[in-house]
């Protein structure tokens, strides 16, 4: 029996929302969600073939739960903001926006 390498599958890295710079944009194709040691994890394939796993946060988990597998996604980090009401009112949370490619090309005006 002979074993051969499967080729370059790209690099695997982990990313935390809290480590992103304000207004940073991440782009990738959503591959899968898994349950990690500390909660949901969101796995993406980047255009250069690398795999990036985001550790979940409240806002990211809520928004990613609505995203279909194989969707092209942008995650935009806006920094921290104070929660105005609810159980955690007055506490800071990480504000993110999740955008999904709708498959419609933009038409120049």
PDB file of N, CA and C in Angstrom:
ATOM      1  N   UNK A   1       0.851  -1.177   0.000  1.00  0.00           N
ATOM      2  CA  UNK A   1       0.000   0.000   0.000  1.00  0.00           C
ATOM      3  C   UNK A   1       0.895   1.238   0.000  1.00  0.00           C
ATOM      4  N   UNK A   2       0.485   2.238  -0.753  1.00  0.00           N
ATOM      5  CA  UNK A   2       1.259   3.476  -0.853  1.00  0.00           C
ATOM      6  C   UNK A   2       0.362   4.660  -0.489  1.00  0.00           C
ATOM      7  N   UNK A   3       0.828   5.515   0.407  1.00  0.00           N
ATOM      8  CA  UNK A   3       0.066   6.699   0.809  1.00  0.00           C
ATOM      9  C   UNK A   3       0.637   7.918   0.113  1.00  0.00           C
ATOM     10  N   UNK A   4      -0.264   8.782  -0.342  1.00  0.00           N
ATOM     11  CA  UNK A   4       0.141  10.003  -1.035  1.00  0.00           C
ATOM     12  C   UNK A   4      -0.520  11.196  -0.352  1.00  0.00           C
ATOM     13  N   UNK A   5       0.145  12.344  -0.366  1.00  0.00           N
ATOM     14  CA  UNK A   5      -0.479  13.544   0.219  1.00  0.00           C
ATOM     15  C   UNK A   5      -1.709  13.963  -0.581  1.00  0.00           C
ATOM     16  N   UNK A   6      -2.677  14.544   0.089  1.00  0.00           N
ATOM     17  CA  UNK A   6      -3.910  14.953  -0.579  1.00  0.00           C
ATOM     18  C   UNK A   6      -3.799  16.323  -1.232  1.00  0.00           C
ATOM     19  N   UNK A   7      -2.651  16.936  -1.143  1.00  0.00           N
ATOM     20  CA  UNK A   7      -2.480  18.240  -1.768  1.00  0.00           C
ATOM     21  C   UNK A   7      -2.604  19.356  -0.754  1.00  0.00           C
ATOM     22  N   UNK A   8      -2.417  20.543  -1.231  1.00  0.00           N
ATOM     23  CA  UNK A   8      -2.469  21.712  -0.371  1.00  0.00           C
ATOM     24  C   UNK A   8      -3.918  22.104  -0.132  1.00  0.00           C
ATOM     25  N   UNK A   9      -4.377  21.891   1.070  1.00  0.00           N
ATOM     26  CA  UNK A   9      -5.755  22.220   1.424  1.00  0.00           C
ATOM     27  C   UNK A   9      -5.867  23.608   2.040  1.00  0.00           C
ATOM     28  N   UNK A  10      -4.805  24.386   2.014  1.00  0.00           N
ATOM     29  CA  UNK A  10      -4.831  25.702   2.621  1.00  0.00           C
ATOM     30  C   UNK A  10      -4.559  25.623   4.107  1.00  0.00           C
ATOM     31  N   UNK A  11      -4.511  26.783   4.721  1.00  0.00           N
ATOM     32  CA  UNK A  11      -4.229  26.851   6.156  1.00  0.00           C
ATOM     33  C   UNK A  11      -5.518  26.958   6.949  1.00  0.00           C
ATOM     34  N   UNK A  12      -5.467  26.489   8.175  1.00  0.00           N
ATOM     35  CA  UNK A  12      -6.586  26.596   9.106  1.00  0.00           C
ATOM     36  C   UNK A  12      -6.215  27.629  10.159  1.00  0.00           C
ATOM     37  N   UNK A  13      -7.106  28.597  10.368  1.00  0.00           N
ATOM     38  CA  UNK A  13      -6.866  29.591  11.423  1.00  0.00           C
ATOM     39  C   UNK A  13      -8.173  29.863  12.154  1.00  0.00           C
ATOM     40  N   UNK A  14      -8.031  30.384  13.370  1.00  0.00           N
ATOM     41  CA  UNK A  14      -9.179  30.735  14.198  1.00  0.00           C
ATOM     42  C   UNK A  14      -9.208  32.240  14.377  1.00  0.00           C
ATOM     43  N   UNK A  15     -10.401  32.813  14.354  1.00  0.00           N
ATOM     44  CA  UNK A  15     -10.547  34.263  14.444  1.00  0.00           C
ATOM     45  C   UNK A  15     -11.625  34.573  15.475  1.00  0.00           C
ATOM     46  N   UNK A  16     -11.365  35.596  16.264  1.00  0.00           N
ATOM     47  CA  UNK A  16     -12.341  36.062  17.239  1.00  0.00           C
ATOM     48  C   UNK A  16     -12.797  37.454  16.839  1.00  0.00           C
ATOM     49  N   UNK A  17     -14.087  37.697  16.964  1.00  0.00           N
ATOM     50  CA  UNK A  17     -14.626  39.017  16.645  1.00  0.00           C
ATOM     51  C   UNK A  17     -13.903  40.081  17.458  1.00  0.00           C
ATOM     52  N   UNK A  18     -13.629  39.807  18.723  1.00  0.00           N
ATOM     53  CA  UNK A  18     -13.003  40.805  19.598  1.00  0.00           C
ATOM     54  C   UNK A  18     -11.594  41.192  19.141  1.00  0.00           C
ATOM     55  N   UNK A  19     -10.964  40.358  18.308  1.00  0.00           N
ATOM     56  CA  UNK A  19      -9.622  40.663  17.822  1.00  0.00           C
ATOM     57  C   UNK A  19      -9.631  41.413  16.492  1.00  0.00           C
ATOM     58  N   UNK A  20     -10.823  41.657  15.931  1.00  0.00           N
ATOM     59  CA  UNK A  20     -10.922  42.391  14.667  1.00  0.00           C
ATOM     60  C   UNK A  20     -10.741  43.882  14.920  1.00  0.00           C
ATOM     61  N   UNK A  21     -10.244  44.582  13.913  1.00  0.00           N
ATOM     62  CA  UNK A  21     -10.137  46.037  13.966  1.00  0.00           C
ATOM     63  C   UNK A  21     -11.497  46.644  13.634  1.00  0.00           C
ATOM     64  N   UNK A  22     -11.771  47.829  14.182  1.00  0.00           N
ATOM     65  CA  UNK A  22     -13.024  48.507  13.876  1.00  0.00           C
ATOM     66  C   UNK A  22     -13.113  48.726  12.366  1.00  0.00           C
ATOM     67  N   UNK A  23     -14.274  48.442  11.794  1.00  0.00           N
ATOM     68  CA  UNK A  23     -14.580  48.561  10.363  1.00  0.00           C
ATOM     69  C   UNK A  23     -13.870  47.510   9.502  1.00  0.00           C
ATOM     70  N   UNK A  24     -13.264  46.514  10.126  1.00  0.00           N
ATOM     71  CA  UNK A  24     -12.648  45.423   9.363  1.00  0.00           C
ATOM     72  C   UNK A  24     -13.743  44.578   8.713  1.00  0.00           C
ATOM     73  N   UNK A  25     -13.465  44.131   7.490  1.00  0.00           N
ATOM     74  CA  UNK A  25     -14.408  43.291   6.753  1.00  0.00           C
ATOM     75  C   UNK A  25     -13.744  41.948   6.463  1.00  0.00           C
ATOM     76  N   UNK A  26     -14.429  40.882   6.823  1.00  0.00           N
ATOM     77  CA  UNK A  26     -13.984  39.529   6.495  1.00  0.00           C
ATOM     78  C   UNK A  26     -14.902  38.986   5.420  1.00  0.00           C
ATOM     79  N   UNK A  27     -14.334  38.307   4.409  1.00  0.00           N
ATOM     80  CA  UNK A  27     -15.141  37.690   3.360  1.00  0.00           C
ATOM     81  C   UNK A  27     -14.795  36.218   3.236  1.00  0.00           C
ATOM     82  N   UNK A  28     -15.815  35.390   3.069  1.00  0.00           N
ATOM     83  CA  UNK A  28     -15.595  33.972   2.874  1.00  0.00           C
ATOM     84  C   UNK A  28     -16.896  33.262   2.534  1.00  0.00           C
ATOM     85  N   UNK A  29     -16.775  32.001   2.172  1.00  0.00           N
ATOM     86  CA  UNK A  29     -17.940  31.167   1.894  1.00  0.00           C
ATOM     87  C   UNK A  29     -18.214  30.331   3.137  1.00  0.00           C
ATOM     88  N   UNK A  30     -19.436  30.413   3.627  1.00  0.00           N
ATOM     89  CA  UNK A  30     -19.835  29.697   4.839  1.00  0.00           C
ATOM     90  C   UNK A  30     -19.877  28.200   4.549  1.00  0.00           C
ATOM     91  N   UNK A  31     -19.066  27.430   5.284  1.00  0.00           N
ATOM     92  CA  UNK A  31     -18.963  25.985   5.067  1.00  0.00           C
ATOM     93  C   UNK A  31     -19.852  25.202   6.032  1.00  0.00           C
ATOM     94  N   UNK A  32     -19.728  25.509   7.327  1.00  0.00           N
ATOM     95  CA  UNK A  32     -20.501  24.764   8.322  1.00  0.00           C
ATOM     96  C   UNK A  32     -20.434  25.452   9.671  1.00  0.00           C
ATOM     97  N   UNK A  33     -21.346  25.047  10.535  1.00  0.00           N
ATOM     98  CA  UNK A  33     -21.278  25.477  11.929  1.00  0.00           C
ATOM     99  C   UNK A  33     -21.064  24.226  12.771  1.00  0.00           C
ATOM    100  N   UNK A  34     -20.298  24.381  13.823  1.00  0.00           N
ATOM    101  CA  UNK A  34     -20.042  23.273  14.734  1.00  0.00           C
ATOM    102  C   UNK A  34     -20.180  23.787  16.160  1.00  0.00           C
ATOM    103  N   UNK A  35     -20.303  22.866  17.078  1.00  0.00           N
ATOM    104  CA  UNK A  35     -20.369  23.229  18.492  1.00  0.00           C
ATOM    105  C   UNK A  35     -18.979  23.049  19.073  1.00  0.00           C
ATOM    106  N   UNK A  36     -18.361  24.155  19.449  1.00  0.00           N
ATOM    107  CA  UNK A  36     -17.030  24.112  20.037  1.00  0.00           C
ATOM    108  C   UNK A  36     -17.103  24.017  21.551  1.00  0.00           C
ATOM    109  N   UNK A  37     -15.973  24.066  22.171  1.00  0.00           N
ATOM    110  CA  UNK A  37     -15.880  23.968  23.631  1.00  0.00           C
ATOM    111  C   UNK A  37     -16.658  25.082  24.325  1.00  0.00           C
ATOM    112  N   UNK A  38     -16.672  26.283  23.716  1.00  0.00           N
ATOM    113  CA  UNK A  38     -17.313  27.443  24.341  1.00  0.00           C
ATOM    114  C   UNK A  38     -18.562  27.896  23.601  1.00  0.00           C
ATOM    115  N   UNK A  39     -19.105  27.068  22.716  1.00  0.00           N
ATOM    116  CA  UNK A  39     -20.313  27.423  21.989  1.00  0.00           C
ATOM    117  C   UNK A  39     -20.131  27.296  20.486  1.00  0.00           C
ATOM    118  N   UNK A  40     -21.053  27.904  19.717  1.00  0.00           N
ATOM    119  CA  UNK A  40     -21.011  27.755  18.262  1.00  0.00           C
ATOM    120  C   UNK A  40     -19.716  28.299  17.649  1.00  0.00           C
ATOM    121  N   UNK A  41     -19.293  27.619  16.584  1.00  0.00           N
ATOM    122  CA  UNK A  41     -18.167  28.077  15.781  1.00  0.00           C
ATOM    123  C   UNK A  41     -18.635  28.081  14.325  1.00  0.00           C
ATOM    124  N   UNK A  42     -18.175  29.062  13.563  1.00  0.00           N
ATOM    125  CA  UNK A  42     -18.624  29.279  12.190  1.00  0.00           C
ATOM    126  C   UNK A  42     -17.423  29.135  11.270  1.00  0.00           C
ATOM    127  N   UNK A  43     -17.479  28.182  10.344  1.00  0.00           N
ATOM    128  CA  UNK A  43     -16.330  27.864   9.499  1.00  0.00           C
ATOM    129  C   UNK A  43     -16.540  28.414   8.083  1.00  0.00           C
ATOM    130  N   UNK A  44     -15.484  29.073   7.569  1.00  0.00           N
ATOM    131  CA  UNK A  44     -15.528  29.704   6.254  1.00  0.00           C
ATOM    132  C   UNK A  44     -14.334  29.285   5.404  1.00  0.00           C
ATOM    133  N   UNK A  45     -14.519  29.276   4.091  1.00  0.00           N
ATOM    134  CA  UNK A  45     -13.435  29.074   3.132  1.00  0.00           C
ATOM    135  C   UNK A  45     -13.186  30.431   2.478  1.00  0.00           C
ATOM    136  N   UNK A  46     -11.934  30.885   2.487  1.00  0.00           N
ATOM    137  CA  UNK A  46     -11.600  32.164   1.861  1.00  0.00           C
ATOM    138  C   UNK A  46     -11.254  31.944   0.389  1.00  0.00           C
ATOM    139  N   UNK A  47     -11.203  33.034  -0.375  1.00  0.00           N
ATOM    140  CA  UNK A  47     -10.904  32.946  -1.805  1.00  0.00           C
ATOM    141  C   UNK A  47      -9.536  32.337  -2.077  1.00  0.00           C
ATOM    142  N   UNK A  48      -8.601  32.491  -1.144  1.00  0.00           N
ATOM    143  CA  UNK A  48      -7.259  31.944  -1.341  1.00  0.00           C
ATOM    144  C   UNK A  48      -7.134  30.493  -0.861  1.00  0.00           C
ATOM    145  N   UNK A  49      -8.276  29.860  -0.510  1.00  0.00           N
ATOM    146  CA  UNK A  49      -8.281  28.446  -0.170  1.00  0.00           C
ATOM    147  C   UNK A  49      -8.066  28.121   1.294  1.00  0.00           C
ATOM    148  N   UNK A  50      -7.918  29.135   2.130  1.00  0.00           N
ATOM    149  CA  UNK A  50      -7.723  28.902   3.555  1.00  0.00           C
ATOM    150  C   UNK A  50      -9.069  28.719   4.259  1.00  0.00           C
ATOM    151  N   UNK A  51      -9.033  28.043   5.395  1.00  0.00           N
ATOM    152  CA  UNK A  51     -10.221  27.856   6.222  1.00  0.00           C
ATOM    153  C   UNK A  51     -10.071  28.713   7.467  1.00  0.00           C
ATOM    154  N   UNK A  52     -11.113  29.505   7.759  1.00  0.00           N
ATOM    155  CA  UNK A  52     -11.117  30.371   8.940  1.00  0.00           C
ATOM    156  C   UNK A  52     -12.322  29.994   9.790  1.00  0.00           C
ATOM    157  N   UNK A  53     -12.078  29.776  11.081  1.00  0.00           N
ATOM    158  CA  UNK A  53     -13.136  29.434  12.021  1.00  0.00           C
ATOM    159  C   UNK A  53     -13.338  30.612  12.969  1.00  0.00           C
ATOM    160  N   UNK A  54     -14.549  31.158  12.972  1.00  0.00           N
ATOM    161  CA  UNK A  54     -14.903  32.243  13.890  1.00  0.00           C
ATOM    162  C   UNK A  54     -15.508  31.643  15.145  1.00  0.00           C
ATOM    163  N   UNK A  55     -15.021  32.055  16.291  1.00  0.00           N
ATOM    164  CA  UNK A  55     -15.678  31.713  17.549  1.00  0.00           C
ATOM    165  C   UNK A  55     -16.939  32.571  17.647  1.00  0.00           C
ATOM    166  N   UNK A  56     -18.022  31.984  18.096  1.00  0.00           N
ATOM    167  CA  UNK A  56     -19.288  32.684  18.149  1.00  0.00           C
ATOM    168  C   UNK A  56     -19.349  33.761  19.230  1.00  0.00           C
ATOM    169  N   UNK A  57     -20.156  34.761  18.959  1.00  0.00           N
ATOM    170  CA  UNK A  57     -20.552  35.766  19.954  1.00  0.00           C
ATOM    171  C   UNK A  57     -22.071  35.847  19.853  1.00  0.00           C
ATOM    172  N   UNK A  58     -22.708  36.491  20.806  1.00  0.00           N
ATOM    173  CA  UNK A  58     -24.165  36.590  20.771  1.00  0.00           C
ATOM    174  C   UNK A  58     -24.692  37.127  19.451  1.00  0.00           C
ATOM    175  N   UNK A  59     -24.173  38.278  19.017  1.00  0.00           N
ATOM    176  CA  UNK A  59     -24.657  38.903  17.786  1.00  0.00           C
ATOM    177  C   UNK A  59     -24.318  38.058  16.561  1.00  0.00           C
ATOM    178  N   UNK A  60     -23.100  37.528  16.508  1.00  0.00           N
ATOM    179  CA  UNK A  60     -22.694  36.720  15.353  1.00  0.00           C
ATOM    180  C   UNK A  60     -23.523  35.435  15.288  1.00  0.00           C
ATOM    181  N   UNK A  61     -23.741  34.788  16.416  1.00  0.00           N
ATOM    182  CA  UNK A  61     -24.532  33.555  16.440  1.00  0.00           C
ATOM    183  C   UNK A  61     -25.955  33.802  15.952  1.00  0.00           C
ATOM    184  N   UNK A  62     -26.555  34.882  16.407  1.00  0.00           N
ATOM    185  CA  UNK A  62     -27.933  35.209  16.029  1.00  0.00           C
ATOM    186  C   UNK A  62     -28.035  35.411  14.518  1.00  0.00           C
ATOM    187  N   UNK A  63     -27.089  36.150  13.954  1.00  0.00           N
ATOM    188  CA  UNK A  63     -27.156  36.464  12.525  1.00  0.00           C
ATOM    189  C   UNK A  63     -26.741  35.282  11.657  1.00  0.00           C
ATOM    190  N   UNK A  64     -25.714  34.543  12.055  1.00  0.00           N
ATOM    191  CA  UNK A  64     -25.248  33.418  11.247  1.00  0.00           C
ATOM    192  C   UNK A  64     -26.252  32.266  11.239  1.00  0.00           C
ATOM    193  N   UNK A  65     -27.085  32.162  12.256  1.00  0.00           N
ATOM    194  CA  UNK A  65     -28.088  31.093  12.302  1.00  0.00           C
ATOM    195  C   UNK A  65     -29.067  31.202  11.135  1.00  0.00           C
ATOM    196  N   UNK A  66     -29.111  32.359  10.491  1.00  0.00           N
ATOM    197  CA  UNK A  66     -30.031  32.599   9.380  1.00  0.00           C
ATOM    198  C   UNK A  66     -29.361  32.452   8.009  1.00  0.00           C
ATOM    199  N   UNK A  67     -28.071  32.071   7.993  1.00  0.00           N
ATOM    200  CA  UNK A  67     -27.298  32.000   6.753  1.00  0.00           C
ATOM    201  C   UNK A  67     -27.218  30.549   6.271  1.00  0.00           C
ATOM    202  N   UNK A  68     -27.476  30.352   4.991  1.00  0.00           N
ATOM    203  CA  UNK A  68     -27.425  29.011   4.399  1.00  0.00           C
ATOM    204  C   UNK A  68     -25.979  28.601   4.120  1.00  0.00           C
ATOM    205  N   UNK A  69     -25.712  27.317   4.244  1.00  0.00           N
ATOM    206  CA  UNK A  69     -24.403  26.753   3.904  1.00  0.00           C
ATOM    207  C   UNK A  69     -24.094  27.095   2.441  1.00  0.00           C
ATOM    208  N   UNK A  70     -22.831  27.349   2.146  1.00  0.00           N
ATOM    209  CA  UNK A  70     -22.314  27.706   0.815  1.00  0.00           C
ATOM    210  C   UNK A  70     -22.651  29.132   0.393  1.00  0.00           C
ATOM    211  N   UNK A  71     -23.147  29.943   1.312  1.00  0.00           N
ATOM    212  CA  UNK A  71     -23.399  31.351   1.011  1.00  0.00           C
ATOM    213  C   UNK A  71     -22.092  32.137   1.106  1.00  0.00           C
ATOM    214  N   UNK A  72     -21.926  33.096   0.185  1.00  0.00           N
ATOM    215  CA  UNK A  72     -20.809  34.033   0.280  1.00  0.00           C
ATOM    216  C   UNK A  72     -21.196  35.111   1.276  1.00  0.00           C
ATOM    217  N   UNK A  73     -20.312  35.328   2.253  1.00  0.00           N
ATOM    218  CA  UNK A  73     -20.647  36.165   3.408  1.00  0.00           C
ATOM    219  C   UNK A  73     -19.577  37.226   3.643  1.00  0.00           C
ATOM    220  N   UNK A  74     -20.018  38.386   4.107  1.00  0.00           N
ATOM    221  CA  UNK A  74     -19.127  39.408   4.653  1.00  0.00           C
ATOM    222  C   UNK A  74     -19.506  39.605   6.114  1.00  0.00           C
ATOM    223  N   UNK A  75     -18.491  39.651   6.971  1.00  0.00           N
ATOM    224  CA  UNK A  75     -18.700  39.994   8.377  1.00  0.00           C
ATOM    225  C   UNK A  75     -17.985  41.309   8.607  1.00  0.00           C
ATOM    226  N   UNK A  76     -18.731  42.312   9.047  1.00  0.00           N
ATOM    227  CA  UNK A  76     -18.170  43.642   9.286  1.00  0.00           C
ATOM    228  C   UNK A  76     -18.223  43.906  10.789  1.00  0.00           C
ATOM    229  N   UNK A  77     -17.085  44.295  11.343  1.00  0.00           N
ATOM    230  CA  UNK A  77     -16.997  44.574  12.779  1.00  0.00           C
ATOM    231  C   UNK A  77     -17.036  46.086  13.003  1.00  0.00           C
ATOM    232  N   UNK A  78     -17.953  46.542  13.846  1.00  0.00           N
ATOM    233  CA  UNK A  78     -18.122  47.973  14.114  1.00  0.00           C
ATOM    234  C   UNK A  78     -17.616  48.396  15.486  1.00  0.00           C
ATOM    235  N   UNK A  79     -16.973  47.502  16.205  1.00  0.00           N
ATOM    236  CA  UNK A  79     -16.486  47.843  17.540  1.00  0.00           C
ATOM    237  C   UNK A  79     -17.503  47.464  18.598  1.00  0.00           C
ATOM    238  N   UNK A  80     -17.326  48.049  19.775  1.00  0.00           N
ATOM    239  CA  UNK A  80     -18.227  47.751  20.893  1.00  0.00           C
ATOM    240  C   UNK A  80     -19.279  48.837  21.038  1.00  0.00           C
ATOM    241  N   UNK A  81     -20.445  48.422  21.524  1.00  0.00           N
ATOM    242  CA  UNK A  81     -21.497  49.387  21.836  1.00  0.00           C
ATOM    243  C   UNK A  81     -22.184  48.958  23.118  1.00  0.00           C
ATOM    244  N   UNK A  82     -22.748  49.930  23.808  1.00  0.00           N
ATOM    245  CA  UNK A  82     -23.438  49.648  25.064  1.00  0.00           C
ATOM    246  C   UNK A  82     -24.858  49.196  24.773  1.00  0.00           C
ATOM    247  N   UNK A  83     -25.267  48.120  25.415  1.00  0.00           N
ATOM    248  CA  UNK A  83     -26.636  47.629  25.245  1.00  0.00           C
ATOM    249  C   UNK A  83     -27.593  48.561  25.977  1.00  0.00           C
ATOM    250  N   UNK A  84     -28.639  49.046  25.293  1.00  0.00           N
ATOM    251  CA  UNK A  84     -29.538  50.034  25.894  1.00  0.00           C
ATOM    252  C   UNK A  84     -30.556  49.452  26.869  1.00  0.00           C
ATOM    253  N   UNK A  85     -30.901  48.170  26.709  1.00  0.00           N
ATOM    254  CA  UNK A  85     -31.947  47.597  27.567  1.00  0.00           C
ATOM    255  C   UNK A  85     -31.764  46.091  27.682  1.00  0.00           C
ATOM    256  N   UNK A  86     -32.618  45.492  28.468  1.00  0.00           N
ATOM    257  CA  UNK A  86     -32.595  44.042  28.627  1.00  0.00           C
ATOM    258  C   UNK A  86     -31.725  43.595  29.777  1.00  0.00           C
ATOM    259  N   UNK A  87     -31.520  42.308  29.847  1.00  0.00           N
ATOM    260  CA  UNK A  87     -30.782  41.676  30.937  1.00  0.00           C
ATOM    261  C   UNK A  87     -29.371  42.243  31.083  1.00  0.00           C
ATOM    262  N   UNK A  88     -28.754  42.586  29.966  1.00  0.00           N
ATOM    263  CA  UNK A  88     -27.367  43.070  29.984  1.00  0.00           C
ATOM    264  C   UNK A  88     -27.261  44.574  29.709  1.00  0.00           C
ATOM    265  N   UNK A  89     -28.310  45.323  30.009  1.00  0.00           N
ATOM    266  CA  UNK A  89     -28.321  46.775  29.773  1.00  0.00           C
ATOM    267  C   UNK A  89     -27.102  47.424  30.435  1.00  0.00           C
ATOM    268  N   UNK A  90     -26.457  48.316  29.696  1.00  0.00           N
ATOM    269  CA  UNK A  90     -25.297  49.030  30.206  1.00  0.00           C
ATOM    270  C   UNK A  90     -23.977  48.310  29.950  1.00  0.00           C
ATOM    271  N   UNK A  91     -24.023  47.063  29.549  1.00  0.00           N
ATOM    272  CA  UNK A  91     -22.797  46.302  29.262  1.00  0.00           C
ATOM    273  C   UNK A  91     -22.397  46.519  27.800  1.00  0.00           C
ATOM    274  N   UNK A  92     -21.106  46.392  27.549  1.00  0.00           N
ATOM    275  CA  UNK A  92     -20.606  46.532  26.184  1.00  0.00           C
ATOM    276  C   UNK A  92     -20.685  45.206  25.455  1.00  0.00           C
ATOM    277  N   UNK A  93     -21.037  45.264  24.171  1.00  0.00           N
ATOM    278  CA  UNK A  93     -21.049  44.059  23.339  1.00  0.00           C
ATOM    279  C   UNK A  93     -20.400  44.396  22.001  1.00  0.00           C
ATOM    280  N   UNK A  94     -19.946  43.365  21.306  1.00  0.00           N
ATOM    281  CA  UNK A  94     -19.327  43.544  20.000  1.00  0.00           C
ATOM    282  C   UNK A  94     -20.428  43.661  18.952  1.00  0.00           C
ATOM    283  N   UNK A  95     -20.358  44.729  18.148  1.00  0.00           N
ATOM    284  CA  UNK A  95     -21.365  44.946  17.116  1.00  0.00           C
ATOM    285  C   UNK A  95     -20.824  44.449  15.776  1.00  0.00           C
ATOM    286  N   UNK A  96     -21.559  43.521  15.157  1.00  0.00           N
ATOM    287  CA  UNK A  96     -21.183  42.988  13.851  1.00  0.00           C
ATOM    288  C   UNK A  96     -22.381  43.050  12.916  1.00  0.00           C
ATOM    289  N   UNK A  97     -22.079  43.105  11.644  1.00  0.00           N
ATOM    290  CA  UNK A  97     -23.102  42.984  10.611  1.00  0.00           C
ATOM    291  C   UNK A  97     -22.704  41.810   9.737  1.00  0.00           C
ATOM    292  N   UNK A  98     -23.673  41.001   9.363  1.00  0.00           N
ATOM    293  CA  UNK A  98     -23.424  39.873   8.479  1.00  0.00           C
ATOM    294  C   UNK A  98     -24.200  40.138   7.191  1.00  0.00           C
ATOM    295  N   UNK A  99     -23.463  40.170   6.080  1.00  0.00           N
ATOM    296  CA  UNK A  99     -24.070  40.402   4.772  1.00  0.00           C
ATOM    297  C   UNK A  99     -23.919  39.134   3.944  1.00  0.00           C
ATOM    298  N   UNK A 100     -24.965  38.795   3.185  1.00  0.00           N
ATOM    299  CA  UNK A 100     -24.954  37.602   2.344  1.00  0.00           C
ATOM    300  C   UNK A 100     -25.128  38.039   0.900  1.00  0.00           C
ATOM    301  N   UNK A 101     -24.290  37.485   0.006  1.00  0.00           N
ATOM    302  CA  UNK A 101     -24.403  37.780  -1.422  1.00  0.00           C
ATOM    303  C   UNK A 101     -25.735  37.229  -1.923  1.00  0.00           C
ATOM    304  N   UNK A 102     -26.555  38.112  -2.498  1.00  0.00           N
ATOM    305  CA  UNK A 102     -27.872  37.685  -2.981  1.00  0.00           C
ATOM    306  C   UNK A 102     -27.823  37.145  -4.409  1.00  0.00           C
ATOM    307  N   UNK A 103     -26.622  37.117  -5.006  1.00  0.00           N
ATOM    308  CA  UNK A 103     -26.475  36.561  -6.346  1.00  0.00           C
ATOM    309  C   UNK A 103     -26.872  37.500  -7.462  1.00  0.00           C
ATOM    310  N   UNK A 104     -27.293  38.710  -7.116  1.00  0.00           N
ATOM    311  CA  UNK A 104     -27.690  39.690  -8.136  1.00  0.00           C
ATOM    312  C   UNK A 104     -26.515  40.627  -8.359  1.00  0.00           C
ATOM    313  N   UNK A 105     -26.056  40.717  -9.602  1.00  0.00           N
ATOM    314  CA  UNK A 105     -24.966  41.624  -9.922  1.00  0.00           C
ATOM    315  C   UNK A 105     -25.469  43.064  -9.845  1.00  0.00           C
ATOM    316  N   UNK A 106     -24.581  43.933  -9.374  1.00  0.00           N
ATOM    317  CA  UNK A 106     -24.925  45.346  -9.319  1.00  0.00           C
ATOM    318  C   UNK A 106     -24.943  45.925 -10.724  1.00  0.00           C
ATOM    319  N   UNK A 107     -25.887  46.790 -10.970  1.00  0.00           N
ATOM    320  CA  UNK A 107     -26.007  47.429 -12.280  1.00  0.00           C
ATOM    321  C   UNK A 107     -25.533  48.877 -12.146  1.00  0.00           C
ATOM    322  N   UNK A 108     -24.486  49.246 -12.901  1.00  0.00           N
ATOM    323  CA  UNK A 108     -24.016  50.634 -12.806  1.00  0.00           C
ATOM    324  C   UNK A 108     -25.054  51.610 -13.314  1.00  0.00           C
ATOM    325  N   UNK A 109     -25.114  52.754 -12.666  1.00  0.00           N
ATOM    326  CA  UNK A 109     -26.071  53.790 -13.079  1.00  0.00           C
ATOM    327  C   UNK A 109     -25.505  54.674 -14.156  1.00  0.00           C
TER     328      UNK A 109
END
